[in-house]
Protein backbone atom coordinates (compact mmCIF):
# COMPACT_ATOMS: atom_id res chain seq x y z
CA MET A 1 26.91 -2.44 -5.50
CA THR A 2 24.84 0.75 -5.40
CA PHE A 3 21.50 0.36 -7.10
CA ARG A 4 19.88 3.27 -8.89
CA ILE A 5 16.55 2.75 -7.11
CA GLU A 6 15.47 0.30 -4.41
CA ALA A 7 12.29 -0.63 -2.57
CA ARG A 8 12.88 -2.57 0.63
CA HIS A 9 10.04 -4.51 2.30
CA VAL A 10 7.35 -2.12 1.06
CA THR A 11 3.79 -2.61 2.27
CA LYS A 12 0.73 -0.65 1.21
CA ARG A 13 -2.83 -1.13 2.44
CA PHE A 14 -6.11 0.24 1.20
CA PRO A 15 -9.48 -0.28 2.92
CA GLY A 16 -10.08 -4.04 2.87
CA VAL A 17 -7.10 -4.73 0.59
CA VAL A 18 -3.36 -5.32 1.06
CA ALA A 19 -2.09 -3.98 -2.27
CA LEU A 20 1.60 -4.66 -1.50
CA ASP A 21 2.90 -7.04 1.13
CA ASP A 22 6.63 -6.89 1.99
CA VAL A 23 7.76 -6.25 -1.60
CA SER A 24 11.42 -5.57 -2.42
CA LEU A 25 12.91 -4.40 -5.71
CA ALA A 26 16.37 -3.27 -6.83
CA VAL A 27 17.24 -1.80 -10.23
CA ARG A 28 20.77 -1.22 -11.52
CA PRO A 29 21.83 1.92 -13.41
CA GLY A 30 21.49 1.32 -17.15
CA ALA A 31 19.20 -1.70 -16.72
CA VAL A 32 15.78 -2.26 -18.25
CA HIS A 33 13.87 -3.94 -15.45
CA ALA A 34 10.42 -5.40 -16.21
CA ILE A 35 7.63 -5.51 -13.63
CA VAL A 36 5.17 -8.26 -14.50
CA GLY A 37 2.04 -9.75 -13.00
CA GLU A 38 -1.67 -10.11 -13.54
CA ASN A 39 -4.05 -7.19 -13.21
CA GLY A 40 -4.41 -6.51 -9.50
CA ALA A 41 -0.98 -7.95 -8.69
CA GLY A 42 0.25 -4.62 -7.29
CA LYS A 43 2.33 -3.31 -10.21
CA SER A 44 0.65 0.09 -10.44
CA THR A 45 0.68 0.56 -6.65
CA LEU A 46 4.42 -0.12 -6.54
CA MET A 47 5.08 2.31 -9.40
CA HIS A 48 2.93 4.96 -7.73
CA ILE A 49 5.00 4.62 -4.56
CA LEU A 50 8.29 4.83 -6.45
CA SER A 51 7.10 7.96 -8.31
CA GLY A 52 5.60 9.84 -5.36
CA VAL A 53 1.94 9.39 -6.24
CA SER A 54 1.36 7.59 -2.94
CA ARG A 55 3.37 6.71 0.17
CA PRO A 56 4.07 3.24 1.59
CA ASP A 57 2.67 2.23 4.97
CA ALA A 58 5.90 0.40 5.72
CA GLY A 59 9.28 -0.13 4.11
CA ASP A 60 12.05 2.06 2.70
CA LEU A 61 12.92 3.63 -0.65
CA LEU A 62 16.46 4.47 -1.75
CA LEU A 63 17.73 6.43 -4.74
CA ASP A 64 21.43 5.88 -5.50
CA GLY A 65 21.81 4.46 -2.01
CA GLN A 66 20.24 7.45 -0.25
CA PRO A 67 16.93 7.11 1.66
CA LEU A 68 14.13 9.10 0.11
CA VAL A 69 10.54 10.10 0.82
CA PHE A 70 8.61 11.77 -1.99
CA ALA A 71 5.87 14.14 -0.89
CA SER A 72 4.44 14.37 -4.42
CA PRO A 73 5.08 13.35 -8.04
CA ARG A 74 6.67 16.77 -8.59
CA ALA A 75 9.15 16.03 -5.80
CA ALA A 76 9.95 12.67 -7.41
CA GLU A 77 10.51 14.35 -10.76
CA ARG A 78 12.88 16.87 -9.19
CA ALA A 79 14.84 13.90 -7.83
CA GLY A 80 14.93 12.33 -11.29
CA VAL A 81 12.19 9.66 -10.98
CA VAL A 82 9.64 10.06 -13.78
CA LEU A 83 6.52 7.98 -14.46
CA ILE A 84 5.03 7.84 -17.97
CA HIS A 85 1.44 6.67 -17.56
CA GLN A 86 -0.34 4.33 -19.96
CA GLU A 87 -2.76 7.19 -20.68
CA LEU A 88 -0.23 9.87 -21.66
CA ASN A 89 -0.34 13.03 -19.55
CA LEU A 90 -0.11 15.61 -22.31
CA VAL A 91 -2.22 18.69 -23.04
CA PRO A 92 -3.45 18.19 -26.63
CA ALA A 93 -3.94 21.86 -27.46
CA LEU A 94 -0.41 22.86 -26.38
CA SER A 95 2.67 22.53 -28.55
CA VAL A 96 5.38 19.89 -28.22
CA ALA A 97 7.71 22.38 -26.51
CA GLU A 98 4.99 23.66 -24.17
CA ASN A 99 4.20 20.11 -23.06
CA ILE A 100 7.85 19.24 -22.47
CA PHE A 101 8.42 22.25 -20.21
CA LEU A 102 4.90 22.62 -18.77
CA GLY A 103 5.18 24.35 -15.40
CA ARG A 104 8.94 24.85 -15.92
CA GLU A 105 8.94 27.26 -18.85
CA PRO A 106 12.19 29.24 -19.27
CA ALA A 107 11.57 32.93 -18.64
CA ARG A 108 13.15 36.16 -19.64
CA ALA A 109 12.23 39.51 -18.09
CA GLY A 110 9.17 37.91 -16.55
CA PHE A 111 7.89 36.44 -19.83
CA VAL A 112 8.12 32.94 -21.26
CA ASP A 113 11.18 32.71 -23.49
CA ARG A 114 9.58 30.77 -26.35
CA ARG A 115 12.66 30.86 -28.57
CA ARG A 116 14.82 29.23 -25.90
CA MET A 117 12.04 26.78 -24.94
CA GLU A 118 11.61 25.62 -28.53
CA ALA A 119 15.37 25.38 -29.06
CA ASP A 120 15.78 23.32 -25.88
CA ALA A 121 12.89 21.08 -26.95
CA ALA A 122 14.45 20.55 -30.37
CA ALA A 123 17.75 19.60 -28.73
CA LEU A 124 16.04 17.05 -26.48
CA LEU A 125 14.18 15.53 -29.43
CA ALA A 126 17.41 15.37 -31.42
CA ARG A 127 19.02 13.38 -28.58
CA LEU A 128 16.20 10.88 -29.07
CA GLY A 129 16.80 10.78 -32.82
CA HIS A 130 13.56 12.58 -33.71
CA ARG A 131 12.88 15.82 -35.55
CA LEU A 132 9.42 16.74 -34.37
CA ASP A 133 8.47 20.37 -34.81
CA PRO A 134 8.54 21.85 -31.26
CA ARG A 135 5.76 24.26 -32.29
CA ARG A 136 3.39 21.55 -33.50
CA PRO A 137 0.28 20.97 -31.34
CA VAL A 138 0.38 17.59 -29.63
CA GLU A 139 -3.18 16.81 -30.77
CA LEU A 140 -1.84 16.55 -34.33
CA LEU A 141 0.80 13.95 -33.45
CA ARG A 142 0.61 10.18 -33.80
CA VAL A 143 0.51 8.17 -30.58
CA SER A 144 4.09 7.03 -31.09
CA ASP A 145 5.28 10.63 -31.42
CA ARG A 146 3.39 11.55 -28.25
CA GLN A 147 5.35 8.84 -26.46
CA ILE A 148 8.53 10.53 -27.66
CA VAL A 149 7.31 13.86 -26.28
CA GLU A 150 6.75 12.22 -22.88
CA ILE A 151 10.27 10.75 -22.98
CA ALA A 152 11.73 14.12 -24.00
CA LYS A 153 9.93 15.61 -20.99
CA ALA A 154 11.61 12.99 -18.81
CA LEU A 155 15.00 13.88 -20.30
CA SER A 156 14.38 17.54 -19.54
CA LEU A 157 13.97 16.50 -15.90
CA ASP A 158 17.35 14.69 -15.97
CA ALA A 159 15.56 11.40 -15.29
CA ARG A 160 17.68 8.87 -13.47
CA VAL A 161 14.74 6.47 -13.29
CA LEU A 162 12.13 6.22 -16.05
CA ILE A 163 8.99 4.20 -15.32
CA MET A 164 6.96 3.17 -18.39
CA ASP A 165 3.48 1.71 -17.94
CA GLU A 166 2.31 -0.32 -20.99
CA PRO A 167 4.10 2.06 -23.42
CA THR A 168 3.35 0.05 -26.58
CA THR A 169 -0.38 -0.55 -26.06
CA ALA A 170 -1.41 1.70 -28.96
CA LEU A 171 1.72 1.36 -31.12
CA ALA A 172 2.20 -0.46 -34.41
CA SER A 173 5.22 -2.77 -34.77
CA ALA A 174 7.38 -0.19 -36.57
CA ASP A 175 6.72 2.36 -33.81
CA VAL A 176 7.54 -0.24 -31.16
CA GLU A 177 10.97 -0.70 -32.76
CA ARG A 178 11.57 3.06 -32.66
CA LEU A 179 10.59 3.17 -29.00
CA PHE A 180 12.85 0.24 -28.15
CA GLY A 181 15.73 2.04 -29.82
CA VAL A 182 15.12 5.06 -27.60
CA ILE A 183 14.90 2.89 -24.46
CA ARG A 184 18.19 1.18 -25.28
CA MET A 185 19.81 4.57 -25.84
CA LEU A 186 18.59 5.86 -22.47
CA ALA A 187 19.78 2.71 -20.71
CA ALA A 188 23.19 3.01 -22.36
CA GLY A 189 23.41 6.49 -20.85
CA GLY A 190 22.83 5.13 -17.34
CA THR A 191 19.08 5.65 -16.95
CA ALA A 192 17.32 2.86 -15.07
CA VAL A 193 14.12 1.91 -16.91
CA LEU A 194 11.23 0.14 -15.20
CA TYR A 195 9.03 -1.40 -17.87
CA ILE A 196 5.48 -2.72 -17.33
CA SER A 197 3.88 -4.81 -20.06
CA HIS A 198 1.59 -7.82 -20.50
CA LYS A 199 3.27 -8.66 -23.82
CA MET A 200 5.73 -11.49 -23.29
CA ASP A 201 7.53 -11.07 -26.59
CA GLU A 202 8.33 -7.45 -25.70
CA LEU A 203 9.68 -8.36 -22.29
CA PHE A 204 12.17 -10.81 -23.71
CA ARG A 205 13.30 -8.35 -26.38
CA ILE A 206 13.82 -5.25 -24.25
CA ALA A 207 14.27 -6.24 -20.58
CA ASP A 208 17.47 -7.37 -18.86
CA GLU A 209 15.71 -8.76 -15.79
CA CYS A 210 12.30 -8.75 -14.19
CA THR A 211 10.43 -8.84 -10.91
CA VAL A 212 7.19 -10.83 -10.72
CA LEU A 213 4.26 -9.85 -8.49
CA ARG A 214 1.19 -11.88 -7.57
CA ASP A 215 -1.58 -10.77 -5.20
CA GLY A 216 0.59 -7.98 -3.82
CA ARG A 217 3.60 -10.18 -3.11
CA ARG A 218 6.88 -10.65 -4.91
CA THR A 219 6.88 -14.21 -6.24
CA GLY A 220 10.08 -14.18 -8.24
CA HIS A 221 12.98 -12.45 -9.91
CA ALA A 222 14.58 -13.57 -13.15
CA VAL A 223 17.34 -12.65 -15.57
CA MET A 224 15.59 -12.65 -18.94
CA ALA A 225 18.41 -14.47 -20.74
CA GLU A 226 18.13 -17.32 -18.23
CA THR A 227 14.35 -17.85 -18.15
CA THR A 228 11.42 -18.67 -20.44
CA PRO A 229 7.90 -17.27 -20.94
CA ALA A 230 6.48 -20.40 -19.32
CA ASP A 231 8.63 -19.79 -16.22
CA LEU A 232 7.32 -16.23 -15.92
CA VAL A 233 3.71 -17.32 -16.35
CA ARG A 234 4.10 -19.89 -13.57
CA MET A 235 5.48 -17.19 -11.25
CA MET A 236 2.65 -14.82 -12.23
CA VAL A 237 -0.32 -17.15 -11.80
CA GLY A 238 1.06 -20.05 -9.81
CA ARG A 239 0.45 -22.62 -12.54
CA ASP A 240 0.85 -23.21 -16.27
CA VAL A 241 -1.56 -21.16 -18.41
CA ALA A 242 -2.00 -21.81 -22.10
CA TYR A 243 -4.94 -21.25 -24.40
CA VAL A 244 -5.78 -24.12 -26.70
CA ARG A 245 -8.43 -23.40 -29.28
CA THR A 246 -11.03 -26.11 -28.81
CA ARG A 247 -13.90 -25.06 -31.04
CA ASN A 248 -14.35 -26.99 -34.27
CA THR A 249 -14.05 -24.93 -37.44
CA ALA A 250 -14.80 -27.64 -39.96
CA ALA A 251 -18.29 -26.27 -40.60
CA VAL A 252 -16.99 -22.74 -41.06
CA ASN A 253 -14.40 -23.93 -43.54
CA GLN A 254 -17.00 -26.03 -45.31
CA GLY A 255 -19.14 -22.92 -45.69
CA GLN A 256 -16.14 -21.18 -47.27
CA GLY A 257 -15.71 -24.06 -49.73
CA GLN A 258 -12.32 -25.00 -48.27
CA ASP A 259 -10.80 -28.46 -47.81
CA GLN A 260 -9.40 -29.25 -44.36
CA ALA A 261 -6.93 -32.00 -43.67
CA GLN A 262 -8.02 -34.16 -40.75
CA ASP A 263 -6.19 -36.60 -38.57
CA GLN A 264 -7.80 -40.04 -38.67
CA ASP A 265 -8.44 -40.16 -34.94
CA GLN A 266 -10.34 -36.83 -35.11
CA ALA A 267 -12.17 -37.33 -38.40
CA GLN A 268 -15.38 -38.78 -37.00
CA ASP A 269 -15.77 -36.08 -34.32
CA GLN A 270 -15.18 -33.33 -36.88
CA GLU A 271 -17.65 -34.84 -39.31
CA ARG A 272 -20.35 -34.93 -36.63
CA ALA A 273 -19.64 -31.32 -35.67
CA ALA A 274 -19.69 -30.27 -39.31
CA ALA A 275 -22.98 -32.06 -39.93
CA SER A 276 -24.69 -30.34 -37.01
CA ALA A 277 -23.41 -26.91 -37.93
CA SER A 278 -23.26 -27.05 -41.72
CA GLY A 279 -26.54 -25.21 -42.11
CA LEU A 280 -25.41 -22.47 -39.77
CA ALA A 281 -22.02 -22.08 -41.47
CA SER A 282 -23.69 -21.47 -44.81
CA VAL A 283 -25.42 -18.36 -43.39
CA GLU A 284 -23.73 -15.15 -44.45
CA ARG A 285 -23.96 -12.89 -41.42
CA LEU A 286 -22.30 -9.86 -42.99
CA ARG A 287 -21.43 -8.81 -46.52
CA VAL A 288 -19.64 -5.57 -47.30
CA GLU A 289 -19.28 -4.21 -50.83
CA ARG A 290 -17.16 -1.24 -51.91
CA LEU A 291 -17.19 0.37 -48.48
CA GLY A 292 -15.54 3.78 -48.49
CA SER A 293 -15.23 6.77 -46.16
CA ARG A 294 -17.19 9.88 -47.04
CA ASP A 295 -14.95 12.32 -45.18
CA LEU A 296 -11.24 13.00 -45.67
CA ASP A 297 -8.66 12.62 -42.90
CA ALA A 298 -6.07 15.19 -41.79
CA ASN A 299 -3.84 14.17 -44.71
CA GLY A 300 -6.57 14.82 -47.28
CA ARG A 301 -7.23 11.16 -48.11
CA ARG A 302 -10.11 8.80 -47.41
CA PRO A 303 -9.42 6.45 -44.49
CA LEU A 304 -11.25 3.63 -46.33
CA ALA A 305 -11.77 2.92 -50.03
CA ASP A 306 -13.36 0.04 -51.95
CA ILE A 307 -13.47 -2.45 -49.04
CA SER A 308 -15.30 -5.72 -49.80
CA PHE A 309 -15.53 -8.93 -47.75
CA SER A 310 -18.01 -11.29 -46.09
CA VAL A 311 -18.34 -13.04 -42.73
CA ARG A 312 -20.26 -16.25 -42.16
CA ALA A 313 -22.04 -17.49 -39.06
CA GLY A 314 -19.55 -18.97 -36.63
CA GLU A 315 -16.59 -17.30 -38.36
CA VAL A 316 -13.96 -15.05 -36.78
CA LEU A 317 -12.54 -12.72 -39.43
CA GLY A 318 -9.34 -11.12 -38.16
CA ILE A 319 -8.49 -7.60 -39.32
CA ALA A 320 -4.75 -6.88 -39.55
CA GLY A 321 -2.74 -3.88 -40.65
CA LEU A 322 -0.33 -1.23 -39.49
CA MET A 323 -1.48 1.75 -37.45
CA GLY A 324 -3.36 4.07 -39.79
CA ALA A 325 -4.32 1.25 -42.16
CA GLY A 326 -8.02 1.76 -41.40
CA ARG A 327 -8.78 -1.08 -38.96
CA THR A 328 -10.71 0.94 -36.38
CA GLU A 329 -12.23 3.12 -39.10
CA LEU A 330 -13.64 -0.02 -40.72
CA LEU A 331 -15.45 -1.09 -37.56
CA GLU A 332 -16.65 2.45 -36.84
CA SER A 333 -18.00 2.79 -40.38
CA LEU A 334 -19.97 -0.44 -40.07
CA PHE A 335 -21.36 0.74 -36.73
CA GLY A 336 -22.45 4.14 -38.01
CA VAL A 337 -19.83 6.20 -36.17
CA GLN A 338 -18.23 7.34 -39.44
CA LEU A 339 -20.14 8.21 -42.60
CA THR A 340 -19.64 6.14 -45.74
CA THR A 341 -19.93 6.86 -49.46
CA SER A 342 -23.12 6.34 -51.46
CA GLU A 343 -21.47 3.41 -53.28
CA SER A 344 -21.01 1.49 -50.02
CA ARG A 345 -23.24 -1.54 -49.53
CA VAL A 346 -23.69 -3.48 -46.28
CA PHE A 347 -25.89 -6.56 -45.80
CA VAL A 348 -26.70 -8.21 -42.46
CA ASP A 349 -28.21 -11.68 -42.76
CA GLY A 350 -28.92 -10.86 -46.39
CA ARG A 351 -30.83 -7.67 -45.63
CA PRO A 352 -29.47 -4.38 -47.03
CA LEU A 353 -28.41 -1.98 -44.32
CA ALA A 354 -27.77 1.76 -44.55
CA VAL A 355 -26.12 2.49 -41.21
CA THR A 356 -26.23 6.17 -40.35
CA SER A 357 -26.00 5.91 -36.54
CA PRO A 358 -24.96 3.45 -33.80
CA ARG A 359 -28.60 3.21 -32.72
CA GLN A 360 -29.58 1.97 -36.17
CA ALA A 361 -26.62 -0.43 -36.23
CA ILE A 362 -27.70 -1.94 -32.89
CA ARG A 363 -31.26 -2.39 -34.13
CA SER A 364 -29.89 -4.14 -37.22
CA GLY A 365 -27.95 -6.70 -35.17
CA LEU A 366 -24.47 -5.16 -34.87
CA ALA A 367 -22.54 -4.74 -31.61
CA PHE A 368 -19.24 -2.87 -31.21
CA VAL A 369 -16.70 -3.46 -28.44
CA SER A 370 -14.52 -0.36 -28.88
CA GLU A 371 -10.79 -0.16 -28.21
CA ASP A 372 -11.05 2.13 -25.17
CA ARG A 373 -13.34 0.39 -22.71
CA LYS A 374 -12.86 3.03 -20.00
CA THR A 375 -14.12 6.02 -22.01
CA GLN A 376 -16.16 4.43 -24.80
CA GLY A 377 -17.34 1.10 -23.42
CA LEU A 378 -18.22 1.71 -19.77
CA VAL A 379 -19.57 4.28 -17.37
CA LEU A 380 -17.05 3.43 -14.68
CA ASP A 381 -18.99 4.88 -11.75
CA PHE A 382 -22.10 2.89 -12.72
CA SER A 383 -22.67 -0.56 -11.30
CA VAL A 384 -21.92 -3.71 -13.28
CA ALA A 385 -25.68 -4.21 -13.74
CA HIS A 386 -26.29 -0.68 -15.01
CA ASN A 387 -23.44 -1.04 -17.50
CA ILE A 388 -24.70 -4.39 -18.77
CA THR A 389 -28.20 -3.08 -19.43
CA LEU A 390 -27.14 0.31 -20.78
CA ALA A 391 -27.70 -0.54 -24.46
CA ARG A 392 -31.14 -2.09 -23.79
CA LEU A 393 -32.68 0.21 -21.20
CA GLU A 394 -36.06 0.14 -22.94
CA ARG A 395 -36.29 -3.55 -22.08
CA PHE A 396 -35.95 -2.83 -18.37
CA SER A 397 -38.03 0.32 -18.01
CA ARG A 398 -41.73 0.97 -17.78
CA PHE A 399 -43.38 4.38 -17.87
CA GLY A 400 -39.96 5.94 -17.45
CA PHE A 401 -39.00 3.91 -14.37
CA LEU A 402 -36.29 1.25 -14.20
CA ARG A 403 -37.47 -2.26 -13.29
CA SER A 404 -34.59 -3.07 -10.95
CA ARG A 405 -35.53 -6.69 -10.32
CA GLN A 406 -35.58 -7.57 -14.02
CA GLU A 407 -32.34 -5.65 -14.60
CA ALA A 408 -30.61 -7.48 -11.75
CA SER A 409 -31.80 -10.85 -13.04
CA ALA A 410 -30.50 -10.23 -16.56
CA ALA A 411 -27.19 -8.88 -15.24
CA ASP A 412 -26.69 -11.83 -12.87
CA ASP A 413 -27.31 -14.24 -15.74
CA LEU A 414 -24.59 -12.66 -17.89
CA VAL A 415 -22.20 -12.31 -14.96
CA GLY A 416 -22.46 -16.07 -14.48
CA ARG A 417 -22.37 -16.86 -18.20
CA LEU A 418 -19.15 -14.91 -18.83
CA GLY A 419 -17.54 -15.65 -15.47
CA ILE A 420 -17.28 -11.98 -14.46
CA LYS A 421 -15.49 -11.82 -11.12
CA THR A 422 -17.36 -9.28 -9.01
CA PRO A 423 -18.85 -9.39 -5.47
CA ASP A 424 -22.26 -8.76 -7.05
CA ALA A 425 -23.84 -6.88 -9.96
CA ARG A 426 -24.24 -3.76 -7.82
CA THR A 427 -20.47 -3.30 -7.59
CA PRO A 428 -19.13 -0.22 -9.46
CA ALA A 429 -17.39 -1.22 -12.70
CA VAL A 430 -14.38 0.94 -11.80
CA THR A 431 -13.38 -1.54 -9.07
CA LEU A 432 -13.04 -4.49 -11.47
CA SER A 433 -9.83 -5.65 -13.15
CA GLY A 434 -9.29 -4.84 -16.82
CA GLY A 435 -10.25 -8.33 -17.94
CA ASN A 436 -13.48 -8.30 -15.97
CA GLN A 437 -14.32 -4.80 -17.20
CA GLN A 438 -13.94 -6.10 -20.74
CA LYS A 439 -16.31 -8.95 -19.94
CA VAL A 440 -18.86 -6.40 -18.71
CA VAL A 441 -18.60 -4.63 -22.07
CA LEU A 442 -19.14 -7.96 -23.85
CA ALA A 443 -22.13 -8.68 -21.61
CA LYS A 444 -23.66 -5.31 -22.48
CA TRP A 445 -23.56 -6.08 -26.18
CA LEU A 446 -24.67 -9.70 -25.82
CA LEU A 447 -27.83 -8.41 -24.16
CA THR A 448 -28.70 -6.72 -27.47
CA GLN A 449 -28.72 -10.20 -29.08
CA PRO A 450 -26.45 -9.26 -32.02
CA THR A 451 -25.74 -11.34 -35.10
CA VAL A 452 -22.45 -9.55 -35.88
CA LEU A 453 -19.90 -8.65 -33.20
CA LEU A 454 -17.19 -6.04 -33.90
CA LEU A 455 -14.18 -6.35 -31.58
CA ASP A 456 -11.49 -3.65 -31.54
CA GLU A 457 -8.39 -4.69 -29.54
CA PRO A 458 -10.50 -6.74 -27.08
CA THR A 459 -7.53 -7.77 -24.88
CA LYS A 460 -5.78 -4.41 -24.73
CA GLY A 461 -4.16 -3.92 -21.32
CA ILE A 462 -5.36 -7.31 -20.04
CA ASP A 463 -3.13 -9.85 -18.30
CA ILE A 464 -2.46 -13.38 -19.53
CA LYS A 465 -5.17 -15.06 -17.48
CA GLY A 466 -7.73 -12.43 -18.52
CA LYS A 467 -6.75 -12.84 -22.16
CA THR A 468 -7.31 -16.57 -21.98
CA GLU A 469 -10.81 -16.00 -20.60
CA ILE A 470 -11.61 -13.45 -23.33
CA TYR A 471 -10.33 -15.87 -26.00
CA ARG A 472 -12.59 -18.59 -24.67
CA ALA A 473 -15.57 -16.21 -24.69
CA ILE A 474 -14.88 -15.23 -28.32
CA ASP A 475 -14.75 -18.86 -29.37
CA GLU A 476 -17.99 -19.63 -27.53
CA LEU A 477 -19.73 -16.66 -29.17
CA ALA A 478 -18.58 -17.84 -32.59
CA ASP A 479 -19.87 -21.33 -31.76
CA SER A 480 -23.26 -19.79 -30.97
CA GLY A 481 -23.50 -18.54 -34.57
CA LEU A 482 -22.31 -14.95 -34.42
CA GLY A 483 -20.17 -13.48 -37.17
CA ILE A 484 -17.16 -11.81 -35.56
CA LEU A 485 -14.74 -9.16 -36.83
CA LEU A 486 -11.62 -9.02 -34.68
CA VAL A 487 -9.09 -6.18 -34.82
CA SER A 488 -5.85 -6.83 -32.94
CA SER A 489 -2.33 -5.43 -33.07
CA GLU A 490 -0.99 -8.70 -31.66
CA LEU A 491 -0.37 -11.06 -34.54
CA PRO A 492 -0.19 -14.21 -32.37
CA GLU A 493 -3.65 -13.32 -31.07
CA LEU A 494 -5.05 -12.92 -34.59
CA LEU A 495 -3.49 -16.19 -35.70
CA ALA A 496 -4.88 -18.05 -32.68
CA LEU A 497 -8.46 -16.82 -32.98
CA SER A 498 -9.16 -16.11 -36.65
CA ASP A 499 -10.59 -18.42 -39.32
CA ARG A 500 -9.44 -15.94 -41.97
CA ILE A 501 -7.41 -12.74 -41.76
CA LEU A 502 -8.16 -9.67 -43.86
CA VAL A 503 -5.10 -7.40 -44.17
CA LEU A 504 -5.58 -3.66 -44.69
CA ARG A 505 -3.02 -1.32 -46.19
CA GLU A 506 -3.66 2.45 -46.53
CA GLY A 507 -7.41 1.98 -46.18
CA ARG A 508 -7.69 -0.77 -48.79
CA VAL A 509 -7.75 -4.56 -48.75
CA ALA A 510 -4.22 -5.82 -49.35
CA GLY A 511 -5.18 -9.48 -49.08
CA VAL A 512 -7.14 -12.17 -47.28
CA LEU A 513 -5.40 -15.22 -45.79
CA ASP A 514 -7.04 -18.50 -44.86
CA ARG A 515 -6.22 -19.87 -41.42
CA ALA A 516 -4.03 -22.63 -42.85
CA ASP A 517 -1.99 -20.16 -44.92
CA ALA A 518 -1.68 -17.30 -42.44
CA THR A 519 1.70 -16.59 -40.84
CA GLU A 520 3.15 -13.50 -39.22
CA ALA A 521 5.53 -13.09 -42.15
CA ARG A 522 2.73 -13.18 -44.74
CA ILE A 523 0.59 -10.74 -42.77
CA ILE A 524 3.47 -8.29 -42.42
CA ALA A 525 4.34 -8.63 -46.10
CA LEU A 526 0.78 -7.76 -47.14
CA ALA A 527 0.55 -4.93 -44.60
CA THR A 528 3.76 -3.28 -45.80
CA MET A 529 3.71 -3.87 -49.56
CA LYS A 530 2.90 -1.07 -51.95
CA MET A 531 -0.73 -1.19 -52.99
CA GLU A 532 0.17 -1.29 -56.66
CA ASP A 533 2.15 -4.47 -55.95
CA ALA A 534 -0.76 -6.20 -54.20
CA GLY A 535 -2.15 -7.41 -57.51
CA ASP A 536 -4.75 -10.10 -57.10
CA ALA A 537 -3.83 -10.81 -53.46
CA ALA A 538 -7.02 -9.12 -52.22
CA VAL A 539 -9.56 -11.91 -52.37
CA ALA A 540 -12.68 -11.41 -50.27
């Protein structure tokens, strides 16, 4: 059998690191082949080699049975091997058509033939079942539509192999379904799709087979219909990994005035935990009344309107909703990034708060772990220590000079507390895995000693082991008495970590579900219902 693309015994070394060690891979035409593994397993290095970004130190590559050596990504694209990066490579100010044919614009008499370019772009989009305006600037498109533009670009290159790196990271469930439909259509036409994702449910829905990497080595291959998530996890990490929520929520529920059924063999332990924490659970860390956005969005509506809820000490309040429902806008409004209406009221530990800037929010006890850690949470070229102390520099400076010894001591303490895996605190943050980078962001905000922690997609792009460590950190922070707001697009994650779940729909509260009543079906129903049908479901 001739495979569409093969890697045979590929090895790649970087200074001090063997990124790939004798790795082989074979993908059939028309197959969706998943590449899975923890952060640092070698997935990105392998994809970069297949797409011409870098060359192997040893081993062979074959395309449709023919040996190949790509001198550059452009050479790979000309051969029909296209990589769609997790951070989409589009020029926001250019139109859809201009991005699709960038560097390959059709010309007539020495000038760009815009009419032909836009017609060709429309035809490519129609093949994908989409009717985007080829003249529309990409910066005005939703993330899901930008993914379609990238795929249309791949089609324009007659892609025989399409490599997709975490393509659903920023997509809502409805957009994921649209993307899966496109992937299935491409595979049916003979395109080989290599699919990288940390989301197990996606892998079993879209992939035909998978290759597992660990520490630069291939540790397994599986046909998806013949394996289980547990089997893949064992191949990825070498052991069983499962997160079991261990913190006791009896006190939190007691503070909410809820009854909790208890097994007889656990009743005494829960009662003791509740007694020791009952005073803490009665503390209202955050109360929000009639929060609304001052500015209008691109569609002429307010991203948030009449939002009310509360969060108690030790409580994790999950925030659910479809993309565009206002989840991130809610956290940004509380943190002073977005302006709110004069009717909005926010109270932290019972004190009224008029947040007009992030600096003021920090001083009032709020901390915000934003969705994009690489551009909004970290200065990647700075050391771990510098990143950790960034929000509290005044504590480590005197007469304008940094007190390095005190900074290093504080950073080392948090590195140990959160289990950040780094050679030392002087190591640049850019060298850390995604999970450890996220822990550095958490450490930075913990140093501000917050009472309310705002988390926006805290496990985005993080492998299973890293997620488990972040989950444990969230639970421990809640146990310490923080009030936590958690935004996540992964419903199993929300259900595992949240004491209650607030569901947003079109910038308004569609409902609030207690932990015992929350299910994926109920969350989706609230997130998709018409607001006029929500009735009395919104209970804060």
